[in-house]
Protein backbone atom coordinates (compact mmCIF):
# COMPACT_ATOMS: atom_id res chain seq x y z
CA MET A 1 13.27 -11.97 79.45
CA ASP A 2 13.72 -15.38 81.12
CA GLY A 3 12.29 -18.13 78.95
CA GLN A 4 11.08 -15.69 76.35
CA LYS A 5 12.24 -15.84 72.77
CA ILE A 6 13.36 -12.53 71.36
CA ALA A 7 13.29 -11.95 67.59
CA CYS A 8 16.04 -10.00 65.75
CA ILE A 9 14.67 -6.81 64.21
CA VAL A 10 17.12 -7.11 61.30
CA CYS A 11 16.41 -10.64 60.01
CA GLY A 12 13.75 -12.03 62.40
CA GLY A 13 16.09 -14.69 63.71
CA GLU A 14 16.26 -15.73 67.40
CA ILE A 15 18.52 -13.75 69.77
CA THR A 16 20.61 -15.80 72.19
CA VAL A 17 21.41 -14.09 75.51
CA LEU A 18 25.07 -14.37 76.55
CA ILE A 19 25.03 -13.56 80.26
CA ASN A 20 28.80 -13.74 80.79
CA ASP A 21 29.37 -11.35 77.87
CA GLY A 22 26.52 -9.11 78.88
CA VAL A 23 25.04 -9.10 75.36
CA GLY A 24 22.44 -10.78 73.19
CA LYS A 25 23.36 -12.08 69.79
CA CYS A 26 21.24 -13.12 66.78
CA VAL A 27 22.04 -16.73 65.81
CA ASN A 28 21.11 -15.96 62.21
CA CYS A 29 22.70 -12.70 61.16
CA GLY A 30 25.11 -12.13 64.17
CA VAL A 31 23.79 -8.68 65.16
CA VAL A 32 24.75 -7.94 68.76
CA TYR A 33 22.39 -6.33 71.33
CA PRO A 34 23.33 -4.91 74.80
CA LEU A 35 21.31 -6.70 77.55
CA ASP A 36 19.88 -3.47 78.85
CA SER A 37 18.49 -2.75 75.39
CA LEU A 38 16.73 -6.08 74.88
CA GLU A 39 13.95 -4.88 77.08
CA VAL A 40 12.68 -2.90 74.13
CA LEU A 41 12.04 -6.12 72.23
CA THR A 42 10.14 -7.72 75.12
CA ARG A 43 7.34 -5.19 75.32
CA GLN A 44 3.78 -6.28 75.36
CA GLU A 45 2.25 -7.35 72.02
CA GLY A 46 0.72 -4.46 70.13
CA GLU A 47 3.06 -1.81 71.55
CA PRO A 48 4.94 -0.27 68.63
CA ILE A 49 8.72 -0.19 68.32
CA THR A 50 9.99 3.23 67.25
CA SER A 51 12.97 4.03 65.00
CA GLN A 52 14.68 5.43 68.10
CA ASP A 53 14.25 2.05 69.84
CA VAL A 54 15.90 0.37 66.93
CA ALA A 55 18.79 2.81 67.04
CA ASN A 56 19.26 2.10 70.77
CA VAL A 57 19.13 -1.69 70.36
CA VAL A 58 21.58 -2.41 67.58
CA VAL A 59 25.26 -1.83 68.71
CA GLU A 60 28.65 -2.49 67.32
CA ASP A 61 30.12 -5.57 69.04
CA SER A 62 32.97 -5.94 66.58
CA ASP A 63 33.99 -5.04 63.03
CA SER A 64 33.15 -8.57 61.89
CA SER A 65 29.61 -8.49 63.33
CA LEU A 66 29.00 -5.04 61.88
CA ASN A 67 30.26 -6.05 58.47
CA ARG A 68 28.22 -9.14 58.56
CA SER A 69 25.14 -7.13 59.44
CA GLU A 70 25.83 -4.67 56.67
CA GLY A 71 26.48 -7.50 54.22
CA THR A 72 23.19 -9.14 55.19
CA THR A 73 21.33 -5.83 54.82
CA GLN A 74 22.99 -5.10 51.47
CA THR A 75 22.20 -8.61 50.27
CA SER A 76 18.55 -8.19 51.20
CA ALA A 77 18.42 -4.77 49.52
CA GLY A 78 20.18 -6.21 46.45
CA ALA A 79 17.69 -9.05 46.29
CA ARG A 80 14.81 -6.60 46.52
CA GLN A 81 16.37 -4.45 43.80
CA GLU A 82 16.88 -7.46 41.57
CA GLN A 83 13.31 -8.58 42.07
CA ALA A 84 12.12 -5.11 41.31
CA SER A 85 14.21 -5.02 38.09
CA ASP A 86 12.52 -8.19 36.97
CA LYS A 87 9.15 -6.50 36.96
CA PRO A 88 8.08 -4.53 33.88
CA THR A 89 8.40 -0.81 34.42
CA GLU A 90 6.98 2.03 32.49
CA GLY A 91 8.36 2.09 28.96
CA THR A 92 9.51 -1.54 28.92
CA SER A 93 7.89 -4.84 27.97
CA ALA A 94 8.53 -8.24 29.48
CA SER A 95 8.29 -9.91 26.01
CA PHE A 96 10.07 -7.22 23.92
CA GLN A 97 13.77 -6.46 24.40
CA TRP A 98 14.94 -3.59 22.18
CA GLU A 99 18.37 -3.43 20.57
CA THR A 100 18.93 -0.95 17.78
CA PRO A 101 19.01 -2.92 14.49
CA PHE A 102 21.11 -0.71 12.25
CA ALA A 103 20.98 -2.97 9.17
CA THR A 104 17.21 -3.48 9.00
CA SER A 105 16.60 0.18 9.92
CA ALA A 106 18.67 1.21 6.89
CA LEU A 107 16.74 -1.33 4.78
CA GLY A 108 13.47 0.14 5.94
CA LEU A 109 14.62 3.64 4.97
CA LEU A 110 15.67 2.34 1.49
CA CYS A 111 12.26 0.70 0.97
CA SER A 112 10.49 3.83 2.08
CA MET A 113 12.44 5.98 -0.36
CA SER A 114 11.91 3.47 -3.19
CA TRP A 115 8.16 3.31 -2.58
CA ILE A 116 7.79 7.11 -2.66
CA ALA A 117 9.98 7.35 -5.74
CA LEU A 118 7.93 4.68 -7.55
CA ALA A 119 4.73 6.47 -6.70
CA SER A 120 6.17 9.76 -7.92
CA ILE A 121 7.15 8.21 -11.27
CA TRP A 122 3.69 6.78 -11.78
CA LEU A 123 2.04 10.10 -10.86
CA LYS A 124 3.78 11.69 -13.87
CA ASN A 125 2.81 8.90 -16.34
CA GLY A 126 -0.50 9.96 -17.78
CA LEU A 127 -3.90 9.47 -16.24
CA ASP A 128 -3.66 5.72 -15.69
CA GLY A 129 -0.22 6.20 -14.16
CA PHE A 130 -1.52 9.07 -12.04
CA ALA A 131 -4.31 6.91 -10.66
CA PHE A 132 -1.85 4.01 -9.89
CA GLY A 133 0.61 6.40 -8.29
CA LEU A 134 -2.19 7.85 -6.12
CA VAL A 135 -3.15 4.36 -4.99
CA LEU A 136 0.45 3.70 -4.03
CA MET A 137 0.62 6.92 -1.98
CA VAL A 138 -2.67 6.23 -0.23
CA LEU A 139 -1.54 2.67 0.66
CA TYR A 140 1.67 4.03 2.10
CA LEU A 141 -0.05 6.67 4.15
CA VAL A 142 -2.65 4.21 5.48
CA GLY A 143 0.15 1.80 6.43
CA ALA A 144 1.96 4.61 8.29
CA ILE A 145 -1.20 5.56 10.15
CA VAL A 146 -1.90 1.90 11.18
CA TYR A 147 1.67 1.38 12.34
CA ALA A 148 1.91 4.58 14.28
CA ALA A 149 -1.51 4.19 15.93
CA TYR A 150 -1.64 0.41 16.49
CA TYR A 151 1.73 -1.20 16.49
CA TYR A 152 4.28 1.37 17.78
CA PRO A 153 2.41 2.27 21.06
CA SER A 154 2.01 -1.42 21.92
CA LEU A 155 5.83 -1.77 22.20
CA PHE A 156 5.67 0.10 25.49
CA THR A 157 3.13 -2.20 27.00
CA ASP A 158 3.18 -5.74 28.41
CA ALA A 159 1.58 -7.06 25.22
CA PRO A 160 3.61 -5.75 22.26
CA ARG A 161 2.17 -6.57 18.82
CA LEU A 162 5.70 -6.90 17.39
CA THR A 163 8.48 -8.70 19.34
CA SER A 164 11.44 -8.58 16.98
CA SER A 165 13.80 -5.60 17.16
CA LYS A 166 14.72 -6.15 13.52
CA THR A 167 11.13 -6.00 12.41
CA VAL A 168 10.40 -2.91 14.55
CA GLY A 169 13.47 -1.12 13.25
CA PHE A 170 12.54 -1.87 9.63
CA CYS A 171 8.90 -0.62 10.19
CA ASN A 172 10.08 2.48 12.05
CA PHE A 173 11.97 3.73 9.02
CA LEU A 174 9.62 2.23 6.38
CA PHE A 175 6.60 4.13 7.72
CA GLY A 176 8.32 6.94 9.53
CA GLY A 177 10.93 7.96 7.02
CA TRP A 178 14.32 9.17 8.25
CA LEU A 179 12.90 11.70 10.72
CA PHE A 180 10.36 9.55 12.63
CA GLY A 181 12.50 6.51 12.10
CA LEU A 182 15.35 8.14 14.10
CA ILE A 183 12.91 9.44 16.76
CA TRP A 184 11.14 6.12 17.23
CA ASN A 185 14.43 4.16 17.48
CA HIS A 186 15.69 6.67 20.04
CA ASN A 187 12.44 6.50 22.04
CA LEU A 188 12.75 2.76 22.26
CA THR A 189 16.35 3.06 23.42
CA ILE A 190 15.46 5.41 26.26
CA ARG A 191 12.21 3.50 27.04
CA ASN A 192 10.05 6.61 26.52
CA LYS A 193 7.09 6.45 24.11
CA GLY A 194 6.84 10.22 23.68
CA VAL A 195 4.23 11.87 21.47
CA SER A 196 6.04 11.50 18.13
CA TYR A 197 3.74 8.68 17.11
CA ALA A 198 0.72 10.98 17.55
CA VAL A 199 2.48 13.66 15.48
CA ALA A 200 3.10 11.05 12.75
CA ILE A 201 -0.54 10.08 12.72
CA VAL A 202 -1.64 13.67 12.40
CA LEU A 203 0.86 14.39 9.57
CA ALA A 204 -0.08 11.18 7.75
CA ILE A 205 -3.79 11.99 7.92
CA GLY A 206 -3.10 15.56 6.78
CA SER A 207 -0.95 14.28 3.92
CA ALA A 208 -3.74 11.84 2.86
CA VAL A 209 -6.38 14.57 2.93
CA THR A 210 -4.09 16.98 1.03
CA SER A 211 -3.18 14.34 -1.57
CA ALA A 212 -6.85 13.49 -2.10
CA PHE A 213 -7.75 17.15 -2.56
CA LEU A 214 -4.86 17.81 -5.02
CA ALA A 215 -5.71 14.64 -6.84
CA PHE A 216 -9.33 15.77 -7.19
CA VAL A 217 -8.23 19.20 -8.49
CA LEU A 218 -5.62 17.85 -10.89
CA LEU A 219 -7.86 15.12 -12.15
CA GLY A 220 -10.62 17.62 -12.88
CA ALA A 221 -8.18 19.89 -14.69
CA TYR A 222 -6.78 16.96 -16.65
CA ASN A 223 -10.15 15.74 -17.72
CA GLN A 224 -11.18 19.20 -18.70
CA ALA A 225 -8.16 19.57 -20.89
CA MET A 226 -8.78 16.17 -22.47
CA ALA A 227 -12.49 16.72 -23.04
CA LEU A 228 -13.83 16.55 -26.59
CA ASP A 229 -15.26 19.84 -27.73
CA SER A 230 -15.90 21.95 -30.83
CA GLU A 231 -12.28 23.12 -30.81
CA SER A 232 -10.81 19.61 -31.00
CA SER A 233 -8.82 19.15 -34.25
CA VAL A 234 -7.30 16.33 -36.22
CA GLY A 235 -4.46 14.69 -34.27
CA ASP A 236 -5.77 15.66 -30.82
CA GLU A 237 -6.19 12.99 -28.18
CA VAL A 238 -9.39 13.20 -26.12
CA HIS A 239 -11.33 11.32 -23.52
CA PHE A 240 -14.69 9.83 -24.38
CA GLY A 241 -16.43 6.99 -22.51
CA SER A 242 -14.81 5.07 -19.68
CA THR A 243 -13.70 1.67 -18.47
CA TYR A 244 -14.95 0.40 -15.09
CA GLY A 245 -16.90 3.59 -14.78
CA PHE A 246 -13.94 5.89 -13.96
CA ILE A 247 -10.98 5.23 -16.22
CA PRO A 248 -11.48 7.32 -19.40
CA ILE A 249 -10.98 5.73 -22.85
CA LYS A 250 -8.49 7.77 -24.87
CA TRP A 251 -9.28 8.47 -28.52
CA ARG A 252 -7.53 10.26 -31.36
CA VAL A 253 -9.30 12.63 -33.76
CA ILE A 254 -8.55 11.33 -37.29
CA ASP A 255 -11.07 13.37 -39.28
CA ARG A 256 -13.22 16.43 -38.95
CA TYR A 257 -16.26 17.02 -41.16
CA GLU A 258 -17.66 20.34 -42.39
CA ASP A 259 -20.71 20.10 -40.14
CA GLY A 260 -18.47 19.96 -37.08
CA ARG A 261 -18.65 16.20 -36.47
CA VAL A 262 -15.38 14.34 -35.80
CA MET A 263 -14.30 10.77 -36.32
CA LEU A 264 -12.46 9.20 -33.37
CA VAL A 265 -10.42 5.99 -33.19
CA SER A 266 -9.19 4.57 -29.89
CA VAL A 267 -5.52 5.20 -29.28
CA ASP A 268 -4.95 1.59 -28.29
CA ASN A 269 -6.83 -1.65 -28.44
CA VAL A 270 -9.77 -1.66 -26.06
CA CYS A 271 -9.99 -5.50 -26.11
CA LYS A 272 -9.23 -8.52 -28.10
CA TYR A 273 -11.86 -10.44 -30.08
CA ASP A 274 -12.35 -13.05 -32.80
CA PRO A 275 -12.09 -11.46 -36.30
CA PRO A 276 -15.18 -11.22 -38.49
CA SER A 277 -15.31 -14.08 -40.92
CA ALA A 278 -17.95 -14.12 -43.66
CA SER A 279 -18.86 -10.41 -43.44
CA TRP A 280 -18.89 -7.47 -41.06
CA GLN A 281 -22.67 -7.30 -41.30
CA PHE A 282 -23.29 -10.65 -39.57
CA SER A 283 -20.18 -10.78 -37.33
CA HIS A 284 -20.26 -11.32 -33.57
CA LEU A 285 -17.83 -8.43 -33.19
CA ARG A 286 -20.24 -5.94 -34.75
CA ARG A 287 -23.04 -7.05 -32.35
CA PHE A 288 -20.68 -6.76 -29.42
CA LEU A 289 -19.50 -3.26 -30.21
CA ASN A 290 -22.96 -1.90 -30.83
CA GLY A 291 -24.48 -3.83 -27.89
CA ASP A 292 -22.57 -4.57 -24.68
CA PHE A 293 -19.57 -2.31 -25.40
CA LEU A 294 -21.86 0.65 -26.27
CA GLU A 295 -23.98 0.18 -23.14
CA GLU A 296 -21.24 -0.46 -20.64
CA HIS A 297 -18.67 2.18 -21.65
CA PHE A 298 -20.80 5.25 -22.44
CA ASN A 299 -23.43 7.20 -20.57
CA ASP A 300 -26.69 8.44 -22.06
CA LYS A 301 -25.30 11.83 -22.99
CA GLU A 302 -22.28 10.31 -24.74
CA ARG A 303 -24.46 7.77 -26.65
CA SER A 304 -26.75 10.57 -27.78
CA ALA A 305 -23.72 12.48 -29.18
CA MET A 306 -22.79 9.51 -31.37
CA THR A 307 -24.07 9.72 -34.93
CA GLU A 308 -24.81 6.70 -37.00
CA ALA A 309 -22.29 6.09 -39.81
CA THR A 310 -23.19 4.44 -43.08
CA LEU A 311 -20.44 2.03 -43.88
CA GLU A 312 -19.46 0.57 -47.21
CA ASN A 313 -18.35 -3.01 -46.73
CA GLU A 314 -16.22 -5.27 -48.88
CA LYS A 315 -14.46 -8.60 -48.73
CA SER A 316 -11.33 -9.78 -50.46
CA VAL A 317 -11.33 -13.10 -52.27
CA GLY A 318 -8.25 -14.88 -53.52
CA ASP A 319 -4.87 -16.16 -52.32
CA GLU A 320 -1.59 -14.70 -51.26
CA ASP A 321 -0.69 -13.68 -54.85
CA GLU A 322 -3.86 -12.05 -56.07
CA TRP A 323 -7.01 -10.65 -54.37
CA GLU A 324 -10.26 -9.48 -55.87
CA ARG A 325 -12.79 -7.10 -54.18
CA GLU A 326 -16.41 -7.97 -53.73
CA GLU A 327 -18.89 -5.42 -52.50
CA LEU A 328 -21.12 -6.39 -49.55
CA SER A 329 -24.21 -4.82 -48.03
CA ASN A 330 -23.79 -1.46 -46.36
CA THR A 331 -24.35 -1.20 -42.65
CA VAL A 332 -25.32 1.63 -40.29
CA ASP A 333 -23.45 1.58 -36.99
CA LYS A 334 -22.57 3.81 -34.06
CA VAL A 335 -19.46 1.81 -33.22
CA PHE A 336 -17.40 0.14 -35.95
CA LEU A 337 -13.98 -0.84 -37.21
CA LEU A 338 -12.13 0.93 -39.98
CA SER A 339 -11.98 -0.78 -43.29
CA ASP A 340 -8.63 -1.69 -44.71
CA ARG A 341 -8.89 1.19 -47.17
CA GLU A 342 -9.73 3.68 -44.38
CA ALA A 343 -6.92 2.36 -42.19
CA PHE A 344 -4.41 2.86 -45.00
CA ALA A 345 -5.85 6.39 -45.72
CA TYR A 346 -5.43 7.46 -42.00
CA ILE A 347 -2.32 5.39 -41.35
CA ASP A 348 -0.22 8.37 -40.27
CA LEU A 349 -2.66 9.05 -37.41
CA LEU A 350 -2.98 5.46 -36.24
CA ALA A 351 0.41 4.77 -34.64
CA GLY A 352 0.57 3.84 -30.95
CA ALA A 353 -1.26 0.56 -30.52
CA THR A 354 0.55 -2.01 -28.41
CA SER A 355 -0.36 -4.96 -30.74
CA ASP A 356 -1.77 -5.82 -34.15
CA TRP A 357 -5.43 -4.85 -34.73
CA MET A 358 -8.29 -5.76 -37.07
CA THR A 359 -10.16 -3.97 -39.81
CA ARG A 360 -13.80 -4.81 -40.74
CA THR A 361 -12.78 -5.89 -44.25
CA THR A 362 -13.15 -9.66 -44.39
CA ILE A 363 -11.29 -12.11 -46.69
CA GLU A 364 -11.94 -15.52 -48.18
CA GLN A 365 -8.85 -17.46 -49.09
CA ILE A 366 -9.36 -20.00 -51.88
CA ASN A 367 -7.19 -22.64 -53.46
CA GLU A 368 -6.67 -23.49 -57.17
CA ALA A 369 -9.92 -25.46 -57.13
CA GLU A 370 -11.63 -22.32 -55.92
CA SER A 371 -12.56 -23.92 -52.67
CA VAL A 372 -12.61 -21.76 -49.61
CA VAL A 373 -9.76 -22.77 -47.32
CA GLY A 374 -9.94 -19.95 -44.79
CA ARG A 375 -11.86 -16.89 -43.71
CA GLY A 376 -10.70 -13.96 -41.66
CA ALA A 377 -10.06 -10.20 -41.84
CA TRP A 378 -7.26 -7.80 -42.80
CA MET A 379 -4.94 -6.96 -39.95
CA ILE A 380 -2.79 -3.89 -39.43
CA LYS A 381 0.70 -4.90 -38.39
CA GLU A 382 1.62 -2.40 -35.70
CA GLY A 383 4.96 -0.80 -36.61
CA GLN A 384 4.65 -1.79 -40.28
CA PHE A 385 2.49 1.00 -41.77
CA ASP A 386 3.55 0.45 -45.37
CA GLY A 387 0.99 -2.34 -45.73
CA TYR A 388 -1.23 -4.83 -43.93
CA GLU A 389 -1.51 -8.55 -43.58
CA TYR A 390 -4.45 -10.93 -43.35
CA SER A 391 -5.37 -13.61 -40.84
CA THR A 392 -7.50 -16.66 -41.54
CA GLY A 393 -6.41 -18.63 -38.56
CA PHE A 394 -8.01 -19.06 -35.13
CA GLY A 395 -7.19 -16.55 -32.38
CA GLN A 396 -8.15 -13.15 -31.00
CA TYR A 397 -6.76 -9.86 -32.13
CA GLY A 398 -6.77 -6.22 -31.08
CA VAL A 399 -9.91 -4.12 -31.43
CA ARG A 400 -9.61 -0.32 -32.08
CA PRO A 401 -13.18 0.93 -32.41
CA ALA A 402 -14.16 4.10 -34.34
CA VAL A 403 -17.05 6.47 -33.72
CA VAL A 404 -18.42 9.64 -35.25
CA ILE A 405 -19.26 12.30 -32.63
CA ASP A 406 -21.10 15.64 -32.65
CA PRO A 407 -19.31 17.67 -29.98
CA ALA A 408 -22.17 20.14 -29.91
CA LEU A 409 -24.35 17.49 -28.24
CA LEU A 410 -21.93 16.89 -25.34
């Protein structure tokens, strides 16, 4: 051992040999070695030191040296434990620290319940409402699937796609409802992803498929019940034609002829348009209804079921105090507006429009010099069925078309 440096097996420091005391002592950590045991540490390079050798080398010189050694060992172990705790472990993320956000979790649950309630209300509100409610439900289910499959699992990785506990708590209850919201919050607390997200995905997909199937069945039954047929009677509301290719136009049967044909008027305005001015025969509105409107909103079978109606046309000439009728040329149309006389005759069956609507009866307003000061058409004031008013000003008004249909051809 003379002239040879001996390294401490505890800290690697140099051991100083104290001949008078008969021991060797580490200058770094203070561990004391008996001289006769230091021979173990001076073996040739490459010869292994066994655990039994270590047990024979380290001895208790005093309580202070032992405590110092233990303190050094504990400090090293503590440092190693602290370093290990700094490293991301399974179920944790270095950039996402979870703390249960009770307030935003409750807000997410409230929003989830409100969304579902809103969709349920729309589903019970006629065909248009049913379609809108179905869209709301599908959007909610798609959102739940995307969150459960894409965002939630990332919270247990080193690259979470959400880093705010408040946002995560809100989304957990928004897309998971009260059940999965509680499960997901608990899983984040115990740092265990679990399989609940996969269950949520399966349930959401199953709900979407079930909703689509039920919607298909209910929509088919609803359309069947609303279909125009030979049994349709005056006052019935039926579907005929469509908007955007899939939203049916709703009509009301206002007359039934002896040969089985029926006259329909749209329940509400289908659009707004400039009123006819000089006459119905030469109006832009007539060309529109029997041109673009007819081609875009009805299929071949529906157009073939429409019968041409011969219309008697008039115009009113005068002022606010007195009007005179003038006969105009008859027209033959598949789609037309009611005249003012027809509207008054069927007035009990025409309630329900959301705004004022036009007739095909035109007017010419004249002054005392018998000069024309305005042209327009008679308007039905919705909600005031004891009469009608005229308009000679500029602007667009509601259009409620009428058609005559032979149900046997459908």
